[in-house]
Amino acid sequence: MSLDVDAVREIAFLARLNVEEENLPLLKDDLNNILDWVEQLSEVDTHGIEPMTNVSGARLSARLDKVSDGGSSNEILINAPLVKENFFTVPKVIE
């Protein structure tokens, strides 16, 4: 696959990138090099190889999901400027 300057201009527009006109040919060359490299990946024989979800095989340590400071809503609400019915009260921002 090969991109021309018009395609690169359109890609830059869709990506909301402001690319100067004189930089488009350089960007075209860079993108074409990247696409050539990606096409080389399709030449690798991957039949019979299981997909990997993690390349290192290490597992993250997990902690129990438990509440450690619950039941202290009164202490938290003391810091609020306005409280109504045990909830924070904030000014209305949408009309």
PDB file of N, CA and C in Angstrom:
ATOM      1  N   MET A   1       0.848  -1.173   0.000  1.00  0.00           N
ATOM      2  CA  MET A   1       0.000   0.000   0.000  1.00  0.00           C
ATOM      3  C   MET A   1       0.895   1.238   0.000  1.00  0.00           C
ATOM      4  N   SER A   2       0.540   2.205  -0.806  1.00  0.00           N
ATOM      5  CA  SER A   2       1.318   3.425  -0.884  1.00  0.00           C
ATOM      6  C   SER A   2       0.381   4.627  -0.819  1.00  0.00           C
ATOM      7  N   LEU A   3       0.754   5.604  -0.016  1.00  0.00           N
ATOM      8  CA  LEU A   3      -0.046   6.809   0.134  1.00  0.00           C
ATOM      9  C   LEU A   3       0.527   7.925  -0.717  1.00  0.00           C
ATOM     10  N   ASP A   4      -0.364   8.753  -1.253  1.00  0.00           N
ATOM     11  CA  ASP A   4       0.106   9.952  -1.946  1.00  0.00           C
ATOM     12  C   ASP A   4      -0.126  11.163  -1.036  1.00  0.00           C
ATOM     13  N   VAL A   5       0.304  12.333  -1.472  1.00  0.00           N
ATOM     14  CA  VAL A   5       0.215  13.544  -0.656  1.00  0.00           C
ATOM     15  C   VAL A   5      -1.236  13.889  -0.338  1.00  0.00           C
ATOM     16  N   ASP A   6      -2.136  13.676  -1.297  1.00  0.00           N
ATOM     17  CA  ASP A   6      -3.550  13.977  -1.043  1.00  0.00           C
ATOM     18  C   ASP A   6      -4.115  13.092   0.060  1.00  0.00           C
ATOM     19  N   ALA A   7      -3.739  11.808   0.063  1.00  0.00           N
ATOM     20  CA  ALA A   7      -4.211  10.895   1.112  1.00  0.00           C
ATOM     21  C   ALA A   7      -3.649  11.304   2.465  1.00  0.00           C
ATOM     22  N   VAL A   8      -2.400  11.721   2.511  1.00  0.00           N
ATOM     23  CA  VAL A   8      -1.789  12.152   3.765  1.00  0.00           C
ATOM     24  C   VAL A   8      -2.459  13.427   4.264  1.00  0.00           C
ATOM     25  N   ARG A   9      -2.786  14.323   3.366  1.00  0.00           N
ATOM     26  CA  ARG A   9      -3.495  15.550   3.739  1.00  0.00           C
ATOM     27  C   ARG A   9      -4.848  15.208   4.358  1.00  0.00           C
ATOM     28  N   GLU A  10      -5.561  14.254   3.758  1.00  0.00           N
ATOM     29  CA  GLU A  10      -6.868  13.832   4.274  1.00  0.00           C
ATOM     30  C   GLU A  10      -6.724  13.147   5.639  1.00  0.00           C
ATOM     31  N   ILE A  11      -5.705  12.317   5.796  1.00  0.00           N
ATOM     32  CA  ILE A  11      -5.463  11.650   7.079  1.00  0.00           C
ATOM     33  C   ILE A  11      -5.162  12.687   8.157  1.00  0.00           C
ATOM     34  N   ALA A  12      -4.354  13.673   7.831  1.00  0.00           N
ATOM     35  CA  ALA A  12      -4.035  14.735   8.787  1.00  0.00           C
ATOM     36  C   ALA A  12      -5.295  15.509   9.162  1.00  0.00           C
ATOM     37  N   PHE A  13      -6.147  15.774   8.199  1.00  0.00           N
ATOM     38  CA  PHE A  13      -7.401  16.482   8.480  1.00  0.00           C
ATOM     39  C   PHE A  13      -8.286  15.655   9.402  1.00  0.00           C
ATOM     40  N   LEU A  14      -8.441  14.361   9.107  1.00  0.00           N
ATOM     41  CA  LEU A  14      -9.283  13.496   9.933  1.00  0.00           C
ATOM     42  C   LEU A  14      -8.726  13.332  11.340  1.00  0.00           C
ATOM     43  N   ALA A  15      -7.404  13.363  11.468  1.00  0.00           N
ATOM     44  CA  ALA A  15      -6.759  13.233  12.772  1.00  0.00           C
ATOM     45  C   ALA A  15      -6.666  14.577  13.494  1.00  0.00           C
ATOM     46  N   ARG A  16      -7.191  15.607  12.879  1.00  0.00           N
ATOM     47  CA  ARG A  16      -7.161  16.960  13.436  1.00  0.00           C
ATOM     48  C   ARG A  16      -5.733  17.430  13.706  1.00  0.00           C
ATOM     49  N   LEU A  17      -4.831  17.120  12.757  1.00  0.00           N
ATOM     50  CA  LEU A  17      -3.440  17.549  12.845  1.00  0.00           C
ATOM     51  C   LEU A  17      -3.207  18.695  11.882  1.00  0.00           C
ATOM     52  N   ASN A  18      -2.516  19.696  12.349  1.00  0.00           N
ATOM     53  CA  ASN A  18      -2.175  20.832  11.499  1.00  0.00           C
ATOM     54  C   ASN A  18      -0.789  20.575  10.915  1.00  0.00           C
ATOM     55  N   VAL A  19      -0.746  20.072   9.687  1.00  0.00           N
ATOM     56  CA  VAL A  19       0.515  19.761   9.022  1.00  0.00           C
ATOM     57  C   VAL A  19       0.724  20.792   7.917  1.00  0.00           C
ATOM     58  N   GLU A  20       1.861  21.458   7.973  1.00  0.00           N
ATOM     59  CA  GLU A  20       2.170  22.449   6.947  1.00  0.00           C
ATOM     60  C   GLU A  20       2.322  21.754   5.592  1.00  0.00           C
ATOM     61  N   GLU A  21       1.981  22.466   4.537  1.00  0.00           N
ATOM     62  CA  GLU A  21       2.003  21.905   3.181  1.00  0.00           C
ATOM     63  C   GLU A  21       3.393  21.396   2.792  1.00  0.00           C
ATOM     64  N   GLU A  22       4.437  22.096   3.221  1.00  0.00           N
ATOM     65  CA  GLU A  22       5.790  21.668   2.853  1.00  0.00           C
ATOM     66  C   GLU A  22       6.236  20.419   3.619  1.00  0.00           C
ATOM     67  N   ASN A  23       5.543  20.071   4.712  1.00  0.00           N
ATOM     68  CA  ASN A  23       5.877  18.876   5.483  1.00  0.00           C
ATOM     69  C   ASN A  23       5.130  17.628   5.023  1.00  0.00           C
ATOM     70  N   LEU A  24       4.143  17.796   4.154  1.00  0.00           N
ATOM     71  CA  LEU A  24       3.357  16.649   3.697  1.00  0.00           C
ATOM     72  C   LEU A  24       4.192  15.592   2.969  1.00  0.00           C
ATOM     73  N   PRO A  25       5.119  15.954   2.081  1.00  0.00           N
ATOM     74  CA  PRO A  25       5.926  14.910   1.432  1.00  0.00           C
ATOM     75  C   PRO A  25       6.781  14.109   2.422  1.00  0.00           C
ATOM     76  N   LEU A  26       7.323  14.788   3.430  1.00  0.00           N
ATOM     77  CA  LEU A  26       8.110  14.079   4.444  1.00  0.00           C
ATOM     78  C   LEU A  26       7.230  13.123   5.243  1.00  0.00           C
ATOM     79  N   LEU A  27       6.049  13.590   5.604  1.00  0.00           N
ATOM     80  CA  LEU A  27       5.114  12.750   6.342  1.00  0.00           C
ATOM     81  C   LEU A  27       4.653  11.575   5.492  1.00  0.00           C
ATOM     82  N   LYS A  28       4.473  11.826   4.194  1.00  0.00           N
ATOM     83  CA  LYS A  28       4.089  10.753   3.269  1.00  0.00           C
ATOM     84  C   LYS A  28       5.148   9.661   3.262  1.00  0.00           C
ATOM     85  N   ASP A  29       6.414  10.052   3.175  1.00  0.00           N
ATOM     86  CA  ASP A  29       7.505   9.071   3.173  1.00  0.00           C
ATOM     87  C   ASP A  29       7.536   8.277   4.481  1.00  0.00           C
ATOM     88  N   ASP A  30       7.368   8.972   5.608  1.00  0.00           N
ATOM     89  CA  ASP A  30       7.376   8.291   6.909  1.00  0.00           C
ATOM     90  C   ASP A  30       6.222   7.299   7.018  1.00  0.00           C
ATOM     91  N   LEU A  31       5.031   7.732   6.617  1.00  0.00           N
ATOM     92  CA  LEU A  31       3.874   6.837   6.696  1.00  0.00           C
ATOM     93  C   LEU A  31       4.017   5.639   5.761  1.00  0.00           C
ATOM     94  N   ASN A  32       4.561   5.856   4.572  1.00  0.00           N
ATOM     95  CA  ASN A  32       4.773   4.745   3.646  1.00  0.00           C
ATOM     96  C   ASN A  32       5.796   3.752   4.197  1.00  0.00           C
ATOM     97  N   ASN A  33       6.846   4.246   4.871  1.00  0.00           N
ATOM     98  CA  ASN A  33       7.814   3.348   5.504  1.00  0.00           C
ATOM     99  C   ASN A  33       7.155   2.514   6.597  1.00  0.00           C
ATOM    100  N   ILE A  34       6.287   3.132   7.379  1.00  0.00           N
ATOM    101  CA  ILE A  34       5.575   2.404   8.432  1.00  0.00           C
ATOM    102  C   ILE A  34       4.670   1.343   7.823  1.00  0.00           C
ATOM    103  N   LEU A  35       3.945   1.708   6.766  1.00  0.00           N
ATOM    104  CA  LEU A  35       3.045   0.742   6.119  1.00  0.00           C
ATOM    105  C   LEU A  35       3.826  -0.405   5.484  1.00  0.00           C
ATOM    106  N   ASP A  36       4.994  -0.116   4.919  1.00  0.00           N
ATOM    107  CA  ASP A  36       5.833  -1.190   4.369  1.00  0.00           C
ATOM    108  C   ASP A  36       6.267  -2.152   5.463  1.00  0.00           C
ATOM    109  N   TRP A  37       6.626  -1.624   6.618  1.00  0.00           N
ATOM    110  CA  TRP A  37       7.040  -2.465   7.736  1.00  0.00           C
ATOM    111  C   TRP A  37       5.877  -3.340   8.210  1.00  0.00           C
ATOM    112  N   VAL A  38       4.677  -2.771   8.281  1.00  0.00           N
ATOM    113  CA  VAL A  38       3.501  -3.541   8.703  1.00  0.00           C
ATOM    114  C   VAL A  38       3.207  -4.643   7.688  1.00  0.00           C
ATOM    115  N   GLU A  39       3.387  -4.356   6.412  1.00  0.00           N
ATOM    116  CA  GLU A  39       3.175  -5.391   5.389  1.00  0.00           C
ATOM    117  C   GLU A  39       4.180  -6.526   5.536  1.00  0.00           C
ATOM    118  N   GLN A  40       5.391  -6.233   5.973  1.00  0.00           N
ATOM    119  CA  GLN A  40       6.386  -7.283   6.205  1.00  0.00           C
ATOM    120  C   GLN A  40       5.925  -8.236   7.305  1.00  0.00           C
ATOM    121  N   LEU A  41       5.171  -7.746   8.255  1.00  0.00           N
ATOM    122  CA  LEU A  41       4.682  -8.598   9.339  1.00  0.00           C
ATOM    123  C   LEU A  41       3.745  -9.688   8.821  1.00  0.00           C
ATOM    124  N   SER A  42       3.032  -9.406   7.735  1.00  0.00           N
ATOM    125  CA  SER A  42       2.110 -10.405   7.198  1.00  0.00           C
ATOM    126  C   SER A  42       2.845 -11.579   6.564  1.00  0.00           C
ATOM    127  N   GLU A  43       4.140 -11.437   6.311  1.00  0.00           N
ATOM    128  CA  GLU A  43       4.931 -12.514   5.727  1.00  0.00           C
ATOM    129  C   GLU A  43       5.344 -13.565   6.760  1.00  0.00           C
ATOM    130  N   VAL A  44       5.205 -13.249   8.031  1.00  0.00           N
ATOM    131  CA  VAL A  44       5.608 -14.174   9.086  1.00  0.00           C
ATOM    132  C   VAL A  44       4.558 -15.266   9.219  1.00  0.00           C
ATOM    133  N   ASP A  45       5.007 -16.530   9.261  1.00  0.00           N
ATOM    134  CA  ASP A  45       4.099 -17.666   9.405  1.00  0.00           C
ATOM    135  C   ASP A  45       3.699 -17.797  10.873  1.00  0.00           C
ATOM    136  N   THR A  46       2.430 -17.548  11.166  1.00  0.00           N
ATOM    137  CA  THR A  46       1.937 -17.624  12.543  1.00  0.00           C
ATOM    138  C   THR A  46       0.932 -18.751  12.740  1.00  0.00           C
ATOM    139  N   HIS A  47       0.843 -19.669  11.792  1.00  0.00           N
ATOM    140  CA  HIS A  47      -0.104 -20.779  11.929  1.00  0.00           C
ATOM    141  C   HIS A  47       0.334 -21.679  13.082  1.00  0.00           C
ATOM    142  N   GLY A  48      -0.619 -22.034  13.930  1.00  0.00           N
ATOM    143  CA  GLY A  48      -0.347 -22.912  15.054  1.00  0.00           C
ATOM    144  C   GLY A  48       0.222 -22.218  16.272  1.00  0.00           C
ATOM    145  N   ILE A  49       0.332 -20.907  16.240  1.00  0.00           N
ATOM    146  CA  ILE A  49       0.851 -20.155  17.386  1.00  0.00           C
ATOM    147  C   ILE A  49      -0.327 -19.507  18.102  1.00  0.00           C
ATOM    148  N   GLU A  50      -0.424 -19.774  19.403  1.00  0.00           N
ATOM    149  CA  GLU A  50      -1.508 -19.209  20.202  1.00  0.00           C
ATOM    150  C   GLU A  50      -1.312 -17.702  20.385  1.00  0.00           C
ATOM    151  N   PRO A  51      -2.385 -16.940  20.311  1.00  0.00           N
ATOM    152  CA  PRO A  51      -2.272 -15.507  20.575  1.00  0.00           C
ATOM    153  C   PRO A  51      -1.860 -15.276  22.032  1.00  0.00           C
ATOM    154  N   MET A  52      -1.075 -14.234  22.238  1.00  0.00           N
ATOM    155  CA  MET A  52      -0.610 -13.909  23.585  1.00  0.00           C
ATOM    156  C   MET A  52      -1.377 -12.714  24.124  1.00  0.00           C
ATOM    157  N   THR A  53      -1.725 -12.780  25.399  1.00  0.00           N
ATOM    158  CA  THR A  53      -2.344 -11.629  26.037  1.00  0.00           C
ATOM    159  C   THR A  53      -1.336 -10.848  26.858  1.00  0.00           C
ATOM    160  N   ASN A  54      -0.196 -11.495  27.176  1.00  0.00           N
ATOM    161  CA  ASN A  54       0.843 -10.840  27.944  1.00  0.00           C
ATOM    162  C   ASN A  54       2.175 -11.441  27.510  1.00  0.00           C
ATOM    163  N   VAL A  55       3.095 -10.615  27.085  1.00  0.00           N
ATOM    164  CA  VAL A  55       4.345 -11.134  26.549  1.00  0.00           C
ATOM    165  C   VAL A  55       5.313 -11.599  27.630  1.00  0.00           C
ATOM    166  N   SER A  56       5.160 -11.135  28.849  1.00  0.00           N
ATOM    167  CA  SER A  56       6.132 -11.498  29.877  1.00  0.00           C
ATOM    168  C   SER A  56       5.716 -12.725  30.678  1.00  0.00           C
ATOM    169  N   GLY A  57       4.429 -13.045  30.713  1.00  0.00           N
ATOM    170  CA  GLY A  57       3.973 -14.185  31.502  1.00  0.00           C
ATOM    171  C   GLY A  57       3.837 -13.864  32.974  1.00  0.00           C
ATOM    172  N   ALA A  58       4.268 -12.693  33.400  1.00  0.00           N
ATOM    173  CA  ALA A  58       4.141 -12.311  34.802  1.00  0.00           C
ATOM    174  C   ALA A  58       2.700 -11.927  35.108  1.00  0.00           C
ATOM    175  N   ARG A  59       2.291 -12.242  36.311  1.00  0.00           N
ATOM    176  CA  ARG A  59       0.934 -11.897  36.721  1.00  0.00           C
ATOM    177  C   ARG A  59       0.994 -10.736  37.716  1.00  0.00           C
ATOM    178  N   LEU A  60       0.030  -9.872  37.626  1.00  0.00           N
ATOM    179  CA  LEU A  60      -0.046  -8.768  38.570  1.00  0.00           C
ATOM    180  C   LEU A  60      -0.575  -9.271  39.900  1.00  0.00           C
ATOM    181  N   SER A  61      -0.008  -8.766  40.961  1.00  0.00           N
ATOM    182  CA  SER A  61      -0.536  -9.146  42.259  1.00  0.00           C
ATOM    183  C   SER A  61      -1.848  -8.401  42.466  1.00  0.00           C
ATOM    184  N   ALA A  62      -2.793  -9.075  43.040  1.00  0.00           N
ATOM    185  CA  ALA A  62      -4.108  -8.480  43.258  1.00  0.00           C
ATOM    186  C   ALA A  62      -4.394  -8.446  44.753  1.00  0.00           C
ATOM    187  N   ARG A  63      -5.100  -7.434  45.179  1.00  0.00           N
ATOM    188  CA  ARG A  63      -5.499  -7.351  46.578  1.00  0.00           C
ATOM    189  C   ARG A  63      -6.997  -7.558  46.659  1.00  0.00           C
ATOM    190  N   LEU A  64      -7.454  -7.885  47.832  1.00  0.00           N
ATOM    191  CA  LEU A  64      -8.878  -8.049  48.032  1.00  0.00           C
ATOM    192  C   LEU A  64      -9.559  -6.695  47.899  1.00  0.00           C
ATOM    193  N   ASP A  65     -10.718  -6.686  47.296  1.00  0.00           N
ATOM    194  CA  ASP A  65     -11.479  -5.462  47.138  1.00  0.00           C
ATOM    195  C   ASP A  65     -12.395  -5.329  48.339  1.00  0.00           C
ATOM    196  N   LYS A  66     -11.908  -4.649  49.355  1.00  0.00           N
ATOM    197  CA  LYS A  66     -12.709  -4.498  50.567  1.00  0.00           C
ATOM    198  C   LYS A  66     -12.706  -3.040  50.999  1.00  0.00           C
ATOM    199  N   VAL A  67     -13.758  -2.625  51.660  1.00  0.00           N
ATOM    200  CA  VAL A  67     -13.877  -1.261  52.145  1.00  0.00           C
ATOM    201  C   VAL A  67     -12.996  -1.115  53.370  1.00  0.00           C
ATOM    202  N   SER A  68     -12.145  -0.099  53.346  1.00  0.00           N
ATOM    203  CA  SER A  68     -11.234   0.070  54.470  1.00  0.00           C
ATOM    204  C   SER A  68     -11.564   1.286  55.329  1.00  0.00           C
ATOM    205  N   ASP A  69     -12.351   2.212  54.804  1.00  0.00           N
ATOM    206  CA  ASP A  69     -12.670   3.398  55.596  1.00  0.00           C
ATOM    207  C   ASP A  69     -14.155   3.760  55.468  1.00  0.00           C
ATOM    208  N   GLY A  70     -14.995   2.787  55.308  1.00  0.00           N
ATOM    209  CA  GLY A  70     -16.425   3.050  55.176  1.00  0.00           C
ATOM    210  C   GLY A  70     -17.064   3.411  56.507  1.00  0.00           C
ATOM    211  N   GLY A  71     -18.265   3.902  56.443  1.00  0.00           N
ATOM    212  CA  GLY A  71     -19.010   4.213  57.654  1.00  0.00           C
ATOM    213  C   GLY A  71     -18.621   5.526  58.300  1.00  0.00           C
ATOM    214  N   SER A  72     -17.878   6.362  57.594  1.00  0.00           N
ATOM    215  CA  SER A  72     -17.463   7.635  58.189  1.00  0.00           C
ATOM    216  C   SER A  72     -18.029   8.815  57.403  1.00  0.00           C
ATOM    217  N   SER A  73     -19.238   8.681  56.889  1.00  0.00           N
ATOM    218  CA  SER A  73     -19.805   9.758  56.069  1.00  0.00           C
ATOM    219  C   SER A  73     -19.996  11.040  56.870  1.00  0.00           C
ATOM    220  N   ASN A  74     -20.344  10.931  58.143  1.00  0.00           N
ATOM    221  CA  ASN A  74     -20.508  12.141  58.953  1.00  0.00           C
ATOM    222  C   ASN A  74     -19.204  12.914  59.066  1.00  0.00           C
ATOM    223  N   GLU A  75     -18.095  12.215  59.239  1.00  0.00           N
ATOM    224  CA  GLU A  75     -16.791  12.876  59.328  1.00  0.00           C
ATOM    225  C   GLU A  75     -16.434  13.549  58.010  1.00  0.00           C
ATOM    226  N   ILE A  76     -16.808  12.945  56.884  1.00  0.00           N
ATOM    227  CA  ILE A  76     -16.509  13.517  55.573  1.00  0.00           C
ATOM    228  C   ILE A  76     -17.392  14.729  55.306  1.00  0.00           C
ATOM    229  N   LEU A  77     -18.679  14.624  55.654  1.00  0.00           N
ATOM    230  CA  LEU A  77     -19.613  15.714  55.379  1.00  0.00           C
ATOM    231  C   LEU A  77     -19.353  16.946  56.232  1.00  0.00           C
ATOM    232  N   ILE A  78     -18.607  16.816  57.308  1.00  0.00           N
ATOM    233  CA  ILE A  78     -18.256  17.977  58.127  1.00  0.00           C
ATOM    234  C   ILE A  78     -17.479  18.995  57.296  1.00  0.00           C
ATOM    235  N   ASN A  79     -16.702  18.519  56.322  1.00  0.00           N
ATOM    236  CA  ASN A  79     -15.884  19.405  55.488  1.00  0.00           C
ATOM    237  C   ASN A  79     -16.672  20.074  54.366  1.00  0.00           C
ATOM    238  N   ALA A  80     -17.895  19.644  54.119  1.00  0.00           N
ATOM    239  CA  ALA A  80     -18.677  20.180  53.006  1.00  0.00           C
ATOM    240  C   ALA A  80     -19.277  21.529  53.368  1.00  0.00           C
ATOM    241  N   PRO A  81     -19.275  22.488  52.430  1.00  0.00           N
ATOM    242  CA  PRO A  81     -19.888  23.788  52.730  1.00  0.00           C
ATOM    243  C   PRO A  81     -21.407  23.694  52.860  1.00  0.00           C
ATOM    244  N   LEU A  82     -22.042  22.821  52.076  1.00  0.00           N
ATOM    245  CA  LEU A  82     -23.496  22.638  52.146  1.00  0.00           C
ATOM    246  C   LEU A  82     -23.826  21.153  52.170  1.00  0.00           C
ATOM    247  N   VAL A  83     -24.713  20.768  53.075  1.00  0.00           N
ATOM    248  CA  VAL A  83     -25.134  19.375  53.189  1.00  0.00           C
ATOM    249  C   VAL A  83     -26.644  19.346  53.279  1.00  0.00           C
ATOM    250  N   LYS A  84     -27.269  18.400  52.595  1.00  0.00           N
ATOM    251  CA  LYS A  84     -28.718  18.229  52.673  1.00  0.00           C
ATOM    252  C   LYS A  84     -29.020  16.735  52.673  1.00  0.00           C
ATOM    253  N   GLU A  85     -29.710  16.269  53.680  1.00  0.00           N
ATOM    254  CA  GLU A  85     -30.116  14.875  53.810  1.00  0.00           C
ATOM    255  C   GLU A  85     -28.939  13.915  53.666  1.00  0.00           C
ATOM    256  N   ASN A  86     -27.839  14.230  54.333  1.00  0.00           N
ATOM    257  CA  ASN A  86     -26.655  13.381  54.369  1.00  0.00           C
ATOM    258  C   ASN A  86     -25.940  13.267  53.007  1.00  0.00           C
ATOM    259  N   PHE A  87     -26.085  14.294  52.141  1.00  0.00           N
ATOM    260  CA  PHE A  87     -25.417  14.347  50.850  1.00  0.00           C
ATOM    261  C   PHE A  87     -24.747  15.694  50.676  1.00  0.00           C
ATOM    262  N   PHE A  88     -23.696  15.744  49.836  1.00  0.00           N
ATOM    263  CA  PHE A  88     -23.110  17.015  49.452  1.00  0.00           C
ATOM    264  C   PHE A  88     -24.121  17.782  48.638  1.00  0.00           C
ATOM    265  N   THR A  89     -24.190  19.097  48.829  1.00  0.00           N
ATOM    266  CA  THR A  89     -25.060  19.951  48.025  1.00  0.00           C
ATOM    267  C   THR A  89     -24.174  20.860  47.197  1.00  0.00           C
ATOM    268  N   VAL A  90     -24.457  20.899  45.880  1.00  0.00           N
ATOM    269  CA  VAL A  90     -23.670  21.729  44.972  1.00  0.00           C
ATOM    270  C   VAL A  90     -24.603  22.654  44.216  1.00  0.00           C
ATOM    271  N   PRO A  91     -24.088  23.788  43.743  1.00  0.00           N
ATOM    272  CA  PRO A  91     -24.931  24.701  42.969  1.00  0.00           C
ATOM    273  C   PRO A  91     -25.374  24.058  41.649  1.00  0.00           C
ATOM    274  N   LYS A  92     -26.554  24.419  41.206  1.00  0.00           N
ATOM    275  CA  LYS A  92     -27.060  23.943  39.924  1.00  0.00           C
ATOM    276  C   LYS A  92     -26.236  24.562  38.795  1.00  0.00           C
ATOM    277  N   VAL A  93     -25.765  23.729  37.843  1.00  0.00           N
ATOM    278  CA  VAL A  93     -24.935  24.250  36.765  1.00  0.00           C
ATOM    279  C   VAL A  93     -25.616  24.161  35.414  1.00  0.00           C
ATOM    280  N   ILE A  94     -26.741  23.479  35.324  1.00  0.00           N
ATOM    281  CA  ILE A  94     -27.471  23.336  34.062  1.00  0.00           C
ATOM    282  C   ILE A  94     -28.844  23.949  34.235  1.00  0.00           C
ATOM    283  N   GLU A  95     -29.212  24.803  33.307  1.00  0.00           N
ATOM    284  CA  GLU A  95     -30.532  25.433  33.338  1.00  0.00           C
ATOM    285  C   GLU A  95     -31.541  24.578  32.651  1.00  0.00           C
TER     286      GLU A  95
END
